[in-house]
Amino acid sequence: MKIQQRQSKIPVGISQCAMGDPVRFNGGHKHSRVCTDLLSRVFEYIPLCPEVAIGMGVPRKPIHLLVDKGDAPVDAIRVVGVEDPSVDVTEPLRAYADSVVPELAGIRGYIFMQNSPSCGLHGVRRYLDNGHSIDSKGVGAFARRIQQHFPHLPLEEVGRLNNSELRENFLVRVFAYDAWFRYVEGEEWTESEKLPSRIARIIEFYTAYKYLLLAHNQDATRALGHVLADARAMPEDELAFVVRGRIMEILSHPASRKDRTNALMHSQGHLKAFLNKEEKAELQQLIDEYRRGHKPLSAVLTLLRHYLPRSPHGFIHSQVLLSAEPAELGLCDFQ
């Protein structure tokens, strides 16, 4: 099995203000050129502004996260007016998130606006009822509800996507999440094709992603392999949920140069028997130069792909690690 790249754009949710729409509380926007000019090459956006959707208007009085004490759990928050705490929009924001679940059923990622009491994903400031800020451990009420409805969905904040490494990691996760639904859940299969069993598709998906997963977390990848070795020990739906969750968790860890080098060496091992002495030495040297930071990953992948047709073994041909990475698609460098 070889997982093909999607030919159409991937549906992704996004905070509407990041698209340049003037929907913020002050009547402004937070336009992200990274999102609209770069990632729009592969993403088809579904923009939402929950605060406008629940009728707060533009402009509107600011809101913030209110908690009773500093050690309050992430869900023990109220979203209230800064000037008038009697204005409580916690439940409307959660109810709106519940209402858009059908509309978002097909999305493969979500980009939230940072520092927002409705949409912030990380480090949203929390306050006591006396107005004192106590910490930055909050999550926006709308974002949190979406997170609960779609527990494995790749999520990221607009501002963090300005970092090329975080952007690459988000793209890798979105591509994988999308591929899971297209292959494991059968969305890309045609009626004329014989559909393998779901368990077989799950195992084949893991197999195709194995070296990419190793590049992100070797121990967790091997542990997942042990789960799949006894795949029939749990109900099919539970197996699919567990495996998808673990794959997304593994990919959430940025790939290190060390672990990527290990995965590349595994790939090289499948090709050694089909290379002459000079070719082996060239490939080994290139991998080592990548390890030391002297060559880009794309250089190694290009040479591996050049030798790939020589191998008759389906395993190495199926490896997603050897397909085009986000950087090669022009999605990592942006000025």
C-alpha atoms as a PDB file:
ATOM      1  CA  MET A   1       0.000   0.000   0.000  1.00  0.00           C
ATOM      2  CA  LYS A   2       1.247   3.466  -0.871  1.00  0.00           C
ATOM      3  CA  ILE A   3      -0.668   6.412   0.512  1.00  0.00           C
ATOM      4  CA  GLN A   4      -1.092   8.960  -2.243  1.00  0.00           C
ATOM      5  CA  GLN A   5      -0.912  12.698  -1.730  1.00  0.00           C
ATOM      6  CA  ARG A   6      -4.258  14.438  -1.823  1.00  0.00           C
ATOM      7  CA  GLN A   7      -4.920  16.196  -5.130  1.00  0.00           C
ATOM      8  CA  SER A   8      -7.414  18.714  -3.738  1.00  0.00           C
ATOM      9  CA  LYS A   9      -7.015  21.186  -0.890  1.00  0.00           C
ATOM     10  CA  ILE A  10      -7.467  19.933   2.679  1.00  0.00           C
ATOM     11  CA  PRO A  11     -10.372  21.452   4.673  1.00  0.00           C
ATOM     12  CA  VAL A  12      -9.105  23.249   7.786  1.00  0.00           C
ATOM     13  CA  GLY A  13     -10.959  25.403  10.309  1.00  0.00           C
ATOM     14  CA  ILE A  14      -9.535  28.819  11.156  1.00  0.00           C
ATOM     15  CA  SER A  15     -10.311  31.823  13.340  1.00  0.00           C
ATOM     16  CA  GLN A  16     -11.987  34.300  11.017  1.00  0.00           C
ATOM     17  CA  CYS A  17      -9.898  37.293  12.130  1.00  0.00           C
ATOM     18  CA  ALA A  18      -6.770  35.510  10.810  1.00  0.00           C
ATOM     19  CA  MET A  19      -8.266  35.752   7.323  1.00  0.00           C
ATOM     20  CA  GLY A  20      -8.200  39.554   7.572  1.00  0.00           C
ATOM     21  CA  ASP A  21     -11.893  39.961   8.379  1.00  0.00           C
ATOM     22  CA  PRO A  22     -12.596  42.820  10.855  1.00  0.00           C
ATOM     23  CA  VAL A  23     -14.396  40.728  13.477  1.00  0.00           C
ATOM     24  CA  ARG A  24     -12.281  41.359  16.580  1.00  0.00           C
ATOM     25  CA  PHE A  25     -13.684  43.056  19.673  1.00  0.00           C
ATOM     26  CA  ASN A  26     -12.122  46.380  18.637  1.00  0.00           C
ATOM     27  CA  GLY A  27     -13.355  46.165  15.049  1.00  0.00           C
ATOM     28  CA  GLY A  28      -9.936  45.115  13.763  1.00  0.00           C
ATOM     29  CA  HIS A  29      -8.424  41.872  12.502  1.00  0.00           C
ATOM     30  CA  LYS A  30      -5.280  39.748  12.936  1.00  0.00           C
ATOM     31  CA  HIS A  31      -4.559  38.936   9.306  1.00  0.00           C
ATOM     32  CA  SER A  32      -1.988  36.154   8.925  1.00  0.00           C
ATOM     33  CA  ARG A  33      -0.177  36.156   5.588  1.00  0.00           C
ATOM     34  CA  VAL A  34       1.328  32.782   6.492  1.00  0.00           C
ATOM     35  CA  CYS A  35      -2.196  31.373   6.540  1.00  0.00           C
ATOM     36  CA  THR A  36      -3.703  33.254   3.588  1.00  0.00           C
ATOM     37  CA  ASP A  37      -0.691  33.468   1.258  1.00  0.00           C
ATOM     38  CA  LEU A  38       1.235  30.293   2.077  1.00  0.00           C
ATOM     39  CA  LEU A  39      -0.819  27.570   3.723  1.00  0.00           C
ATOM     40  CA  SER A  40      -3.815  28.371   1.514  1.00  0.00           C
ATOM     41  CA  ARG A  41      -1.881  26.572  -1.235  1.00  0.00           C
ATOM     42  CA  VAL A  42      -2.853  23.295   0.443  1.00  0.00           C
ATOM     43  CA  PHE A  43      -5.669  24.285   2.833  1.00  0.00           C
ATOM     44  CA  GLU A  44      -9.302  25.128   2.068  1.00  0.00           C
ATOM     45  CA  TYR A  45     -10.379  27.255   5.015  1.00  0.00           C
ATOM     46  CA  ILE A  46     -13.609  27.211   6.987  1.00  0.00           C
ATOM     47  CA  PRO A  47     -13.435  30.546   8.891  1.00  0.00           C
ATOM     48  CA  LEU A  48     -15.451  30.994  12.079  1.00  0.00           C
ATOM     49  CA  CYS A  49     -15.696  33.704  14.738  1.00  0.00           C
ATOM     50  CA  PRO A  50     -17.621  32.304  17.710  1.00  0.00           C
ATOM     51  CA  GLU A  51     -17.969  35.662  19.460  1.00  0.00           C
ATOM     52  CA  VAL A  52     -19.689  37.208  16.459  1.00  0.00           C
ATOM     53  CA  ALA A  53     -21.707  34.029  15.911  1.00  0.00           C
ATOM     54  CA  ILE A  54     -23.241  34.205  19.407  1.00  0.00           C
ATOM     55  CA  GLY A  55     -24.332  37.783  18.746  1.00  0.00           C
ATOM     56  CA  MET A  56     -21.709  39.836  20.586  1.00  0.00           C
ATOM     57  CA  GLY A  57     -21.334  42.225  17.666  1.00  0.00           C
ATOM     58  CA  VAL A  58     -18.443  44.295  16.285  1.00  0.00           C
ATOM     59  CA  PRO A  59     -17.069  46.236  18.056  1.00  0.00           C
ATOM     60  CA  ARG A  60     -17.886  44.718  21.451  1.00  0.00           C
ATOM     61  CA  LYS A  61     -16.845  44.897  25.067  1.00  0.00           C
ATOM     62  CA  PRO A  62     -13.801  42.716  25.802  1.00  0.00           C
ATOM     63  CA  ILE A  63     -14.114  39.409  27.654  1.00  0.00           C
ATOM     64  CA  HIS A  64     -11.651  37.299  29.626  1.00  0.00           C
ATOM     65  CA  LEU A  65     -11.315  33.998  31.482  1.00  0.00           C
ATOM     66  CA  LEU A  66     -12.441  34.019  35.114  1.00  0.00           C
ATOM     67  CA  VAL A  67     -11.520  31.319  37.671  1.00  0.00           C
ATOM     68  CA  ASP A  68     -12.121  30.961  41.406  1.00  0.00           C
ATOM     69  CA  LYS A  69      -8.549  29.983  42.291  1.00  0.00           C
ATOM     70  CA  GLY A  70      -5.125  29.511  40.789  1.00  0.00           C
ATOM     71  CA  ASP A  71      -5.146  25.712  40.711  1.00  0.00           C
ATOM     72  CA  ALA A  72      -8.503  25.488  38.922  1.00  0.00           C
ATOM     73  CA  PRO A  73      -8.616  22.825  36.172  1.00  0.00           C
ATOM     74  CA  VAL A  74      -8.646  23.997  32.565  1.00  0.00           C
ATOM     75  CA  ASP A  75     -12.398  23.453  32.149  1.00  0.00           C
ATOM     76  CA  ALA A  76     -13.345  25.265  35.381  1.00  0.00           C
ATOM     77  CA  ILE A  77     -13.509  28.687  33.771  1.00  0.00           C
ATOM     78  CA  ARG A  78     -16.117  31.287  32.992  1.00  0.00           C
ATOM     79  CA  VAL A  79     -15.862  33.674  30.068  1.00  0.00           C
ATOM     80  CA  VAL A  80     -17.141  37.003  31.314  1.00  0.00           C
ATOM     81  CA  GLY A  81     -17.048  40.692  30.483  1.00  0.00           C
ATOM     82  CA  VAL A  82     -13.951  42.575  31.625  1.00  0.00           C
ATOM     83  CA  GLU A  83     -15.966  45.674  32.576  1.00  0.00           C
ATOM     84  CA  ASP A  84     -19.163  43.855  33.575  1.00  0.00           C
ATOM     85  CA  PRO A  85     -18.617  40.329  34.995  1.00  0.00           C
ATOM     86  CA  SER A  86     -22.363  39.725  34.918  1.00  0.00           C
ATOM     87  CA  VAL A  87     -21.995  39.282  31.149  1.00  0.00           C
ATOM     88  CA  ASP A  88     -21.246  35.543  30.994  1.00  0.00           C
ATOM     89  CA  VAL A  89     -20.866  33.974  27.545  1.00  0.00           C
ATOM     90  CA  THR A  90     -19.369  30.643  28.648  1.00  0.00           C
ATOM     91  CA  GLU A  91     -22.336  28.467  27.764  1.00  0.00           C
ATOM     92  CA  PRO A  92     -23.194  30.280  24.508  1.00  0.00           C
ATOM     93  CA  LEU A  93     -19.612  29.727  23.295  1.00  0.00           C
ATOM     94  CA  ARG A  94     -19.745  26.044  24.212  1.00  0.00           C
ATOM     95  CA  ALA A  95     -23.193  25.644  22.679  1.00  0.00           C
ATOM     96  CA  TYR A  96     -22.003  27.277  19.452  1.00  0.00           C
ATOM     97  CA  ALA A  97     -19.082  24.838  19.309  1.00  0.00           C
ATOM     98  CA  ASP A  98     -21.546  21.973  19.731  1.00  0.00           C
ATOM     99  CA  SER A  99     -23.722  23.352  16.934  1.00  0.00           C
ATOM    100  CA  VAL A 100     -20.935  23.553  14.332  1.00  0.00           C
ATOM    101  CA  VAL A 101     -19.698  19.981  14.829  1.00  0.00           C
ATOM    102  CA  PRO A 102     -21.594  18.740  11.730  1.00  0.00           C
ATOM    103  CA  GLU A 103     -20.132  21.595   9.664  1.00  0.00           C
ATOM    104  CA  LEU A 104     -16.632  20.748  10.879  1.00  0.00           C
ATOM    105  CA  ALA A 105     -16.928  16.967  10.557  1.00  0.00           C
ATOM    106  CA  GLY A 106     -14.728  16.955   7.462  1.00  0.00           C
ATOM    107  CA  ILE A 107     -11.953  19.262   8.653  1.00  0.00           C
ATOM    108  CA  ARG A 108      -8.453  17.855   9.081  1.00  0.00           C
ATOM    109  CA  GLY A 109      -6.995  20.616  11.268  1.00  0.00           C
ATOM    110  CA  TYR A 110      -7.867  23.850  13.029  1.00  0.00           C
ATOM    111  CA  ILE A 111      -5.906  27.105  13.349  1.00  0.00           C
ATOM    112  CA  PHE A 112      -6.948  29.189  16.376  1.00  0.00           C
ATOM    113  CA  MET A 113      -6.170  32.795  17.295  1.00  0.00           C
ATOM    114  CA  GLN A 114      -3.783  32.990  20.229  1.00  0.00           C
ATOM    115  CA  ASN A 115      -4.537  34.771  23.534  1.00  0.00           C
ATOM    116  CA  SER A 116      -8.272  34.737  22.860  1.00  0.00           C
ATOM    117  CA  PRO A 117     -10.700  33.819  25.679  1.00  0.00           C
ATOM    118  CA  SER A 118     -12.814  32.057  23.079  1.00  0.00           C
ATOM    119  CA  CYS A 119     -10.210  30.683  20.660  1.00  0.00           C
ATOM    120  CA  GLY A 120      -6.835  30.642  22.429  1.00  0.00           C
ATOM    121  CA  LEU A 121      -5.268  27.194  22.511  1.00  0.00           C
ATOM    122  CA  HIS A 122      -2.261  27.712  24.784  1.00  0.00           C
ATOM    123  CA  GLY A 123      -1.439  30.035  27.642  1.00  0.00           C
ATOM    124  CA  VAL A 124      -4.542  32.217  27.746  1.00  0.00           C
ATOM    125  CA  ARG A 125      -4.393  34.548  30.736  1.00  0.00           C
ATOM    126  CA  ARG A 126      -6.800  33.782  33.592  1.00  0.00           C
ATOM    127  CA  TYR A 127      -8.162  36.225  36.154  1.00  0.00           C
ATOM    128  CA  LEU A 128      -9.730  36.232  39.607  1.00  0.00           C
ATOM    129  CA  ASP A 129     -13.016  38.044  40.235  1.00  0.00           C
ATOM    130  CA  ASN A 130     -11.057  40.943  41.753  1.00  0.00           C
ATOM    131  CA  GLY A 131      -9.497  41.565  38.351  1.00  0.00           C
ATOM    132  CA  HIS A 132      -6.044  40.255  39.236  1.00  0.00           C
ATOM    133  CA  SER A 133      -4.310  38.089  36.654  1.00  0.00           C
ATOM    134  CA  ILE A 134      -3.130  34.821  38.213  1.00  0.00           C
ATOM    135  CA  ASP A 135      -1.613  32.692  35.445  1.00  0.00           C
ATOM    136  CA  SER A 136      -1.519  31.831  31.746  1.00  0.00           C
ATOM    137  CA  LYS A 137      -2.901  28.320  31.936  1.00  0.00           C
ATOM    138  CA  GLY A 138      -6.205  28.944  30.188  1.00  0.00           C
ATOM    139  CA  VAL A 139      -7.732  27.568  27.000  1.00  0.00           C
ATOM    140  CA  GLY A 140     -10.439  29.456  25.126  1.00  0.00           C
ATOM    141  CA  ALA A 141     -13.939  28.112  25.750  1.00  0.00           C
ATOM    142  CA  PHE A 142     -14.724  27.536  22.072  1.00  0.00           C
ATOM    143  CA  ALA A 143     -11.308  26.013  21.311  1.00  0.00           C
ATOM    144  CA  ARG A 144     -11.576  23.699  24.304  1.00  0.00           C
ATOM    145  CA  ARG A 145     -14.985  22.430  23.197  1.00  0.00           C
ATOM    146  CA  ILE A 146     -13.719  21.755  19.665  1.00  0.00           C
ATOM    147  CA  GLN A 147     -10.751  19.928  21.189  1.00  0.00           C
ATOM    148  CA  GLN A 148     -13.171  17.728  23.139  1.00  0.00           C
ATOM    149  CA  HIS A 149     -15.324  16.961  20.098  1.00  0.00           C
ATOM    150  CA  PHE A 150     -12.288  16.115  17.921  1.00  0.00           C
ATOM    151  CA  PRO A 151      -9.688  14.703  20.336  1.00  0.00           C
ATOM    152  CA  HIS A 152      -7.086  13.788  17.696  1.00  0.00           C
ATOM    153  CA  LEU A 153      -7.578  16.754  15.380  1.00  0.00           C
ATOM    154  CA  PRO A 154      -4.319  18.645  14.659  1.00  0.00           C
ATOM    155  CA  LEU A 155      -4.598  22.054  16.326  1.00  0.00           C
ATOM    156  CA  GLU A 156      -2.312  25.073  16.193  1.00  0.00           C
ATOM    157  CA  GLU A 157      -2.309  28.785  16.879  1.00  0.00           C
ATOM    158  CA  VAL A 158      -1.929  31.464  14.226  1.00  0.00           C
ATOM    159  CA  GLY A 159       1.117  33.106  15.797  1.00  0.00           C
ATOM    160  CA  ARG A 160       3.033  29.868  16.263  1.00  0.00           C
ATOM    161  CA  LEU A 161       2.739  29.144  12.544  1.00  0.00           C
ATOM    162  CA  ASN A 162       5.232  31.948  11.903  1.00  0.00           C
ATOM    163  CA  ASN A 163       7.856  29.508  13.185  1.00  0.00           C
ATOM    164  CA  SER A 164       8.918  27.270  10.282  1.00  0.00           C
ATOM    165  CA  GLU A 165       9.536  24.207  12.478  1.00  0.00           C
ATOM    166  CA  LEU A 166       6.139  24.456  14.178  1.00  0.00           C
ATOM    167  CA  ARG A 167       4.532  25.090  10.796  1.00  0.00           C
ATOM    168  CA  GLU A 168       6.174  21.984   9.349  1.00  0.00           C
ATOM    169  CA  ASN A 169       5.019  19.901  12.303  1.00  0.00           C
ATOM    170  CA  PHE A 170       1.433  21.111  11.936  1.00  0.00           C
ATOM    171  CA  LEU A 171       1.485  20.305   8.225  1.00  0.00           C
ATOM    172  CA  VAL A 172       2.841  16.808   8.856  1.00  0.00           C
ATOM    173  CA  ARG A 173       0.044  16.175  11.356  1.00  0.00           C
ATOM    174  CA  VAL A 174      -2.672  17.533   9.070  1.00  0.00           C
ATOM    175  CA  PHE A 175      -1.404  15.456   6.139  1.00  0.00           C
ATOM    176  CA  ALA A 176      -1.370  12.317   8.316  1.00  0.00           C
ATOM    177  CA  TYR A 177      -4.811  12.950   9.817  1.00  0.00           C
ATOM    178  CA  ASP A 178      -6.229  13.504   6.344  1.00  0.00           C
ATOM    179  CA  ALA A 179      -4.533  10.378   4.999  1.00  0.00           C
ATOM    180  CA  TRP A 180      -6.024   8.332   7.843  1.00  0.00           C
ATOM    181  CA  PHE A 181      -9.557   9.204   6.795  1.00  0.00           C
ATOM    182  CA  ARG A 182      -8.840   8.766   3.113  1.00  0.00           C
ATOM    183  CA  TYR A 183      -7.257   5.343   3.543  1.00  0.00           C
ATOM    184  CA  VAL A 184      -8.297   3.728   6.843  1.00  0.00           C
ATOM    185  CA  GLU A 185     -11.839   5.102   6.841  1.00  0.00           C
ATOM    186  CA  GLY A 186     -12.176   4.376   3.139  1.00  0.00           C
ATOM    187  CA  GLU A 187     -12.796   7.860   1.753  1.00  0.00           C
ATOM    188  CA  GLU A 188     -10.375   7.494  -1.159  1.00  0.00           C
ATOM    189  CA  TRP A 189     -11.430   4.005  -2.225  1.00  0.00           C
ATOM    190  CA  THR A 190     -13.537   3.647  -5.352  1.00  0.00           C
ATOM    191  CA  GLU A 191     -16.350   1.175  -5.813  1.00  0.00           C
ATOM    192  CA  SER A 192     -14.263  -0.786  -8.317  1.00  0.00           C
ATOM    193  CA  GLU A 193     -11.474  -1.393  -5.771  1.00  0.00           C
ATOM    194  CA  LYS A 194     -11.515  -4.281  -3.345  1.00  0.00           C
ATOM    195  CA  LEU A 195     -11.528  -2.748   0.115  1.00  0.00           C
ATOM    196  CA  PRO A 196      -9.281  -4.595   2.599  1.00  0.00           C
ATOM    197  CA  SER A 197     -10.619  -5.192   6.094  1.00  0.00           C
ATOM    198  CA  ARG A 198     -10.450  -2.201   8.415  1.00  0.00           C
ATOM    199  CA  ILE A 199      -7.916  -3.912  10.664  1.00  0.00           C
ATOM    200  CA  ALA A 200      -5.756  -4.613   7.624  1.00  0.00           C
ATOM    201  CA  ARG A 201      -6.000  -0.967   6.604  1.00  0.00           C
ATOM    202  CA  ILE A 202      -4.988   0.164  10.100  1.00  0.00           C
ATOM    203  CA  ILE A 203      -1.934  -2.094  10.065  1.00  0.00           C
ATOM    204  CA  GLU A 204      -1.008  -1.009   6.540  1.00  0.00           C
ATOM    205  CA  PHE A 205      -1.330   2.645   7.548  1.00  0.00           C
ATOM    206  CA  TYR A 206       1.022   2.168  10.492  1.00  0.00           C
ATOM    207  CA  THR A 207       3.426   0.254   8.262  1.00  0.00           C
ATOM    208  CA  ALA A 208       3.500   3.060   5.701  1.00  0.00           C
ATOM    209  CA  TYR A 209       4.085   5.671   8.403  1.00  0.00           C
ATOM    210  CA  LYS A 210       6.549   3.603  10.442  1.00  0.00           C
ATOM    211  CA  TYR A 211       9.773   5.356   9.440  1.00  0.00           C
ATOM    212  CA  LEU A 212       8.203   8.810   9.640  1.00  0.00           C
ATOM    213  CA  LEU A 213       6.937   7.942  13.123  1.00  0.00           C
ATOM    214  CA  LEU A 214      10.402   6.702  14.109  1.00  0.00           C
ATOM    215  CA  ALA A 215      11.755  10.099  13.098  1.00  0.00           C
ATOM    216  CA  HIS A 216       9.448  11.684  15.685  1.00  0.00           C
ATOM    217  CA  ASN A 217       9.579   9.247  18.606  1.00  0.00           C
ATOM    218  CA  GLN A 218      11.286   5.857  18.398  1.00  0.00           C
ATOM    219  CA  ASP A 219      10.075   4.386  21.709  1.00  0.00           C
ATOM    220  CA  ALA A 220       6.426   5.351  21.191  1.00  0.00           C
ATOM    221  CA  THR A 221       6.512   4.009  17.623  1.00  0.00           C
ATOM    222  CA  ARG A 222       7.799   0.627  18.778  1.00  0.00           C
ATOM    223  CA  ALA A 223       5.199   0.540  21.568  1.00  0.00           C
ATOM    224  CA  LEU A 224       2.463   1.144  18.987  1.00  0.00           C
ATOM    225  CA  GLY A 225       3.866  -1.714  16.949  1.00  0.00           C
ATOM    226  CA  HIS A 226       3.351  -4.004  19.942  1.00  0.00           C
ATOM    227  CA  VAL A 227      -0.293  -2.912  20.161  1.00  0.00           C
ATOM    228  CA  LEU A 228      -0.824  -3.751  16.497  1.00  0.00           C
ATOM    229  CA  ALA A 229       0.897  -7.119  16.865  1.00  0.00           C
ATOM    230  CA  ASP A 230      -2.151  -8.104  18.915  1.00  0.00           C
ATOM    231  CA  ALA A 231      -4.638  -6.030  16.921  1.00  0.00           C
ATOM    232  CA  ARG A 232      -7.545  -8.435  17.262  1.00  0.00           C
ATOM    233  CA  ALA A 233      -7.428  -8.292  21.058  1.00  0.00           C
ATOM    234  CA  MET A 234      -9.653  -5.191  21.124  1.00  0.00           C
ATOM    235  CA  PRO A 235     -12.825  -4.173  19.266  1.00  0.00           C
ATOM    236  CA  GLU A 236     -12.219  -2.697  15.822  1.00  0.00           C
ATOM    237  CA  ASP A 237     -13.543   0.775  16.632  1.00  0.00           C
ATOM    238  CA  GLU A 238     -11.488   0.949  19.803  1.00  0.00           C
ATOM    239  CA  LEU A 239      -8.379  -0.174  17.933  1.00  0.00           C
ATOM    240  CA  ALA A 240      -8.883   2.525  15.294  1.00  0.00           C
ATOM    241  CA  PHE A 241      -9.361   5.203  17.959  1.00  0.00           C
ATOM    242  CA  VAL A 242      -6.300   4.121  19.950  1.00  0.00           C
ATOM    243  CA  VAL A 243      -4.015   3.809  16.931  1.00  0.00           C
ATOM    244  CA  ARG A 244      -5.074   7.128  15.400  1.00  0.00           C
ATOM    245  CA  GLY A 245      -4.609   8.842  18.749  1.00  0.00           C
ATOM    246  CA  ARG A 246      -1.151   7.404  19.265  1.00  0.00           C
ATOM    247  CA  ILE A 247      -0.057   8.283  15.740  1.00  0.00           C
ATOM    248  CA  MET A 248      -1.153  11.881  16.188  1.00  0.00           C
ATOM    249  CA  GLU A 249       0.541  12.040  19.582  1.00  0.00           C
ATOM    250  CA  ILE A 250       3.810  10.714  18.148  1.00  0.00           C
ATOM    251  CA  LEU A 251       3.729  13.209  15.294  1.00  0.00           C
ATOM    252  CA  SER A 252       3.064  16.076  17.705  1.00  0.00           C
ATOM    253  CA  HIS A 253       6.688  15.728  18.843  1.00  0.00           C
ATOM    254  CA  PRO A 254       8.914  17.610  16.379  1.00  0.00           C
ATOM    255  CA  ALA A 255      11.267  15.255  14.553  1.00  0.00           C
ATOM    256  CA  SER A 256      14.845  15.569  15.805  1.00  0.00           C
ATOM    257  CA  ARG A 257      17.869  15.403  13.523  1.00  0.00           C
ATOM    258  CA  LYS A 258      19.072  12.365  15.468  1.00  0.00           C
ATOM    259  CA  ASP A 259      15.836  10.410  15.061  1.00  0.00           C
ATOM    260  CA  ARG A 260      15.460  11.453  11.433  1.00  0.00           C
ATOM    261  CA  THR A 261      18.988  10.206  10.777  1.00  0.00           C
ATOM    262  CA  ASN A 262      18.049   6.881  12.351  1.00  0.00           C
ATOM    263  CA  ALA A 263      14.979   6.603  10.098  1.00  0.00           C
ATOM    264  CA  LEU A 264      17.031   7.498   7.021  1.00  0.00           C
ATOM    265  CA  MET A 265      19.568   4.820   7.899  1.00  0.00           C
ATOM    266  CA  HIS A 266      16.752   2.280   8.188  1.00  0.00           C
ATOM    267  CA  SER A 267      15.641   3.303   4.696  1.00  0.00           C
ATOM    268  CA  GLN A 268      19.189   2.994   3.414  1.00  0.00           C
ATOM    269  CA  GLY A 269      19.362  -0.523   4.817  1.00  0.00           C
ATOM    270  CA  HIS A 270      16.547  -1.642   2.500  1.00  0.00           C
ATOM    271  CA  LEU A 271      18.465  -0.418  -0.541  1.00  0.00           C
ATOM    272  CA  LYS A 272      22.019  -1.571   0.234  1.00  0.00           C
ATOM    273  CA  ALA A 273      21.663  -4.866  -1.599  1.00  0.00           C
ATOM    274  CA  PHE A 274      20.848  -2.993  -4.810  1.00  0.00           C
ATOM    275  CA  LEU A 275      23.679  -0.447  -4.690  1.00  0.00           C
ATOM    276  CA  ASN A 276      27.303  -0.776  -5.714  1.00  0.00           C
ATOM    277  CA  LYS A 277      30.179   0.172  -3.417  1.00  0.00           C
ATOM    278  CA  GLU A 278      30.417   3.773  -4.641  1.00  0.00           C
ATOM    279  CA  GLU A 279      26.669   4.342  -4.395  1.00  0.00           C
ATOM    280  CA  LYS A 280      26.550   2.976  -0.845  1.00  0.00           C
ATOM    281  CA  ALA A 281      29.401   5.248   0.183  1.00  0.00           C
ATOM    282  CA  GLU A 282      27.755   8.282  -1.426  1.00  0.00           C
ATOM    283  CA  LEU A 283      24.446   7.661   0.320  1.00  0.00           C
ATOM    284  CA  GLN A 284      26.113   6.988   3.669  1.00  0.00           C
ATOM    285  CA  GLN A 285      28.144  10.177   3.402  1.00  0.00           C
ATOM    286  CA  LEU A 286      25.084  12.242   2.520  1.00  0.00           C
ATOM    287  CA  ILE A 287      23.138  10.881   5.514  1.00  0.00           C
ATOM    288  CA  ASP A 288      26.092  11.677   7.769  1.00  0.00           C
ATOM    289  CA  GLU A 289      26.308  15.200   6.365  1.00  0.00           C
ATOM    290  CA  TYR A 290      22.616  15.642   7.131  1.00  0.00           C
ATOM    291  CA  ARG A 291      23.237  14.348  10.675  1.00  0.00           C
ATOM    292  CA  ARG A 292      25.912  16.998  11.176  1.00  0.00           C
ATOM    293  CA  GLY A 293      23.682  19.727   9.781  1.00  0.00           C
ATOM    294  CA  HIS A 294      25.649  20.260   6.574  1.00  0.00           C
ATOM    295  CA  LYS A 295      23.007  19.036   4.127  1.00  0.00           C
ATOM    296  CA  PRO A 296      19.208  19.497   4.014  1.00  0.00           C
ATOM    297  CA  LEU A 297      16.832  16.586   4.499  1.00  0.00           C
ATOM    298  CA  SER A 298      15.572  17.034   0.944  1.00  0.00           C
ATOM    299  CA  ALA A 299      19.023  16.148  -0.437  1.00  0.00           C
ATOM    300  CA  VAL A 300      18.977  12.760   1.285  1.00  0.00           C
ATOM    301  CA  LEU A 301      15.374  12.070   0.298  1.00  0.00           C
ATOM    302  CA  THR A 302      16.132  12.903  -3.333  1.00  0.00           C
ATOM    303  CA  LEU A 303      18.967  10.373  -3.489  1.00  0.00           C
ATOM    304  CA  LEU A 304      16.947   7.700  -1.690  1.00  0.00           C
ATOM    305  CA  ARG A 305      14.118   8.183  -4.165  1.00  0.00           C
ATOM    306  CA  HIS A 306      16.610   7.940  -7.027  1.00  0.00           C
ATOM    307  CA  TYR A 307      17.633   4.463  -5.864  1.00  0.00           C
ATOM    308  CA  LEU A 308      14.143   3.381  -4.773  1.00  0.00           C
ATOM    309  CA  PRO A 309      13.053   1.790  -8.104  1.00  0.00           C
ATOM    310  CA  ARG A 310      15.852  -0.761  -7.776  1.00  0.00           C
ATOM    311  CA  SER A 311      14.218  -2.419  -4.790  1.00  0.00           C
ATOM    312  CA  PRO A 312      11.400  -4.914  -5.452  1.00  0.00           C
ATOM    313  CA  HIS A 313      10.190  -4.770  -1.857  1.00  0.00           C
ATOM    314  CA  GLY A 314       6.850  -3.090  -1.282  1.00  0.00           C
ATOM    315  CA  PHE A 315       7.632  -2.034   2.303  1.00  0.00           C
ATOM    316  CA  ILE A 316      10.222   0.574   1.393  1.00  0.00           C
ATOM    317  CA  HIS A 317       8.149   1.833  -1.564  1.00  0.00           C
ATOM    318  CA  SER A 318       5.226   2.477   0.810  1.00  0.00           C
ATOM    319  CA  GLN A 319       7.135   4.678   3.264  1.00  0.00           C
ATOM    320  CA  VAL A 320       5.582   8.122   3.695  1.00  0.00           C
ATOM    321  CA  LEU A 321       8.965   9.331   4.976  1.00  0.00           C
ATOM    322  CA  LEU A 322      10.219   9.193   1.397  1.00  0.00           C
ATOM    323  CA  SER A 323       7.362  11.222  -0.088  1.00  0.00           C
ATOM    324  CA  ALA A 324       7.543  14.987  -0.525  1.00  0.00           C
ATOM    325  CA  GLU A 325       7.998  16.769   2.800  1.00  0.00           C
ATOM    326  CA  PRO A 326       6.434  20.194   3.544  1.00  0.00           C
ATOM    327  CA  ALA A 327       9.733  21.977   2.909  1.00  0.00           C
ATOM    328  CA  GLU A 328       9.951  20.430  -0.557  1.00  0.00           C
ATOM    329  CA  LEU A 329       6.432  21.624  -1.252  1.00  0.00           C
ATOM    330  CA  GLY A 330       7.577  25.169  -0.521  1.00  0.00           C
ATOM    331  CA  LEU A 331       5.523  25.445   2.666  1.00  0.00           C
ATOM    332  CA  CYS A 332       8.201  26.123   5.278  1.00  0.00           C
ATOM    333  CA  ASP A 333      10.122  29.218   4.165  1.00  0.00           C
ATOM    334  CA  PHE A 334       8.083  32.400   4.002  1.00  0.00           C
ATOM    335  CA  GLN A 335       9.076  36.057   3.894  1.00  0.00           C
END
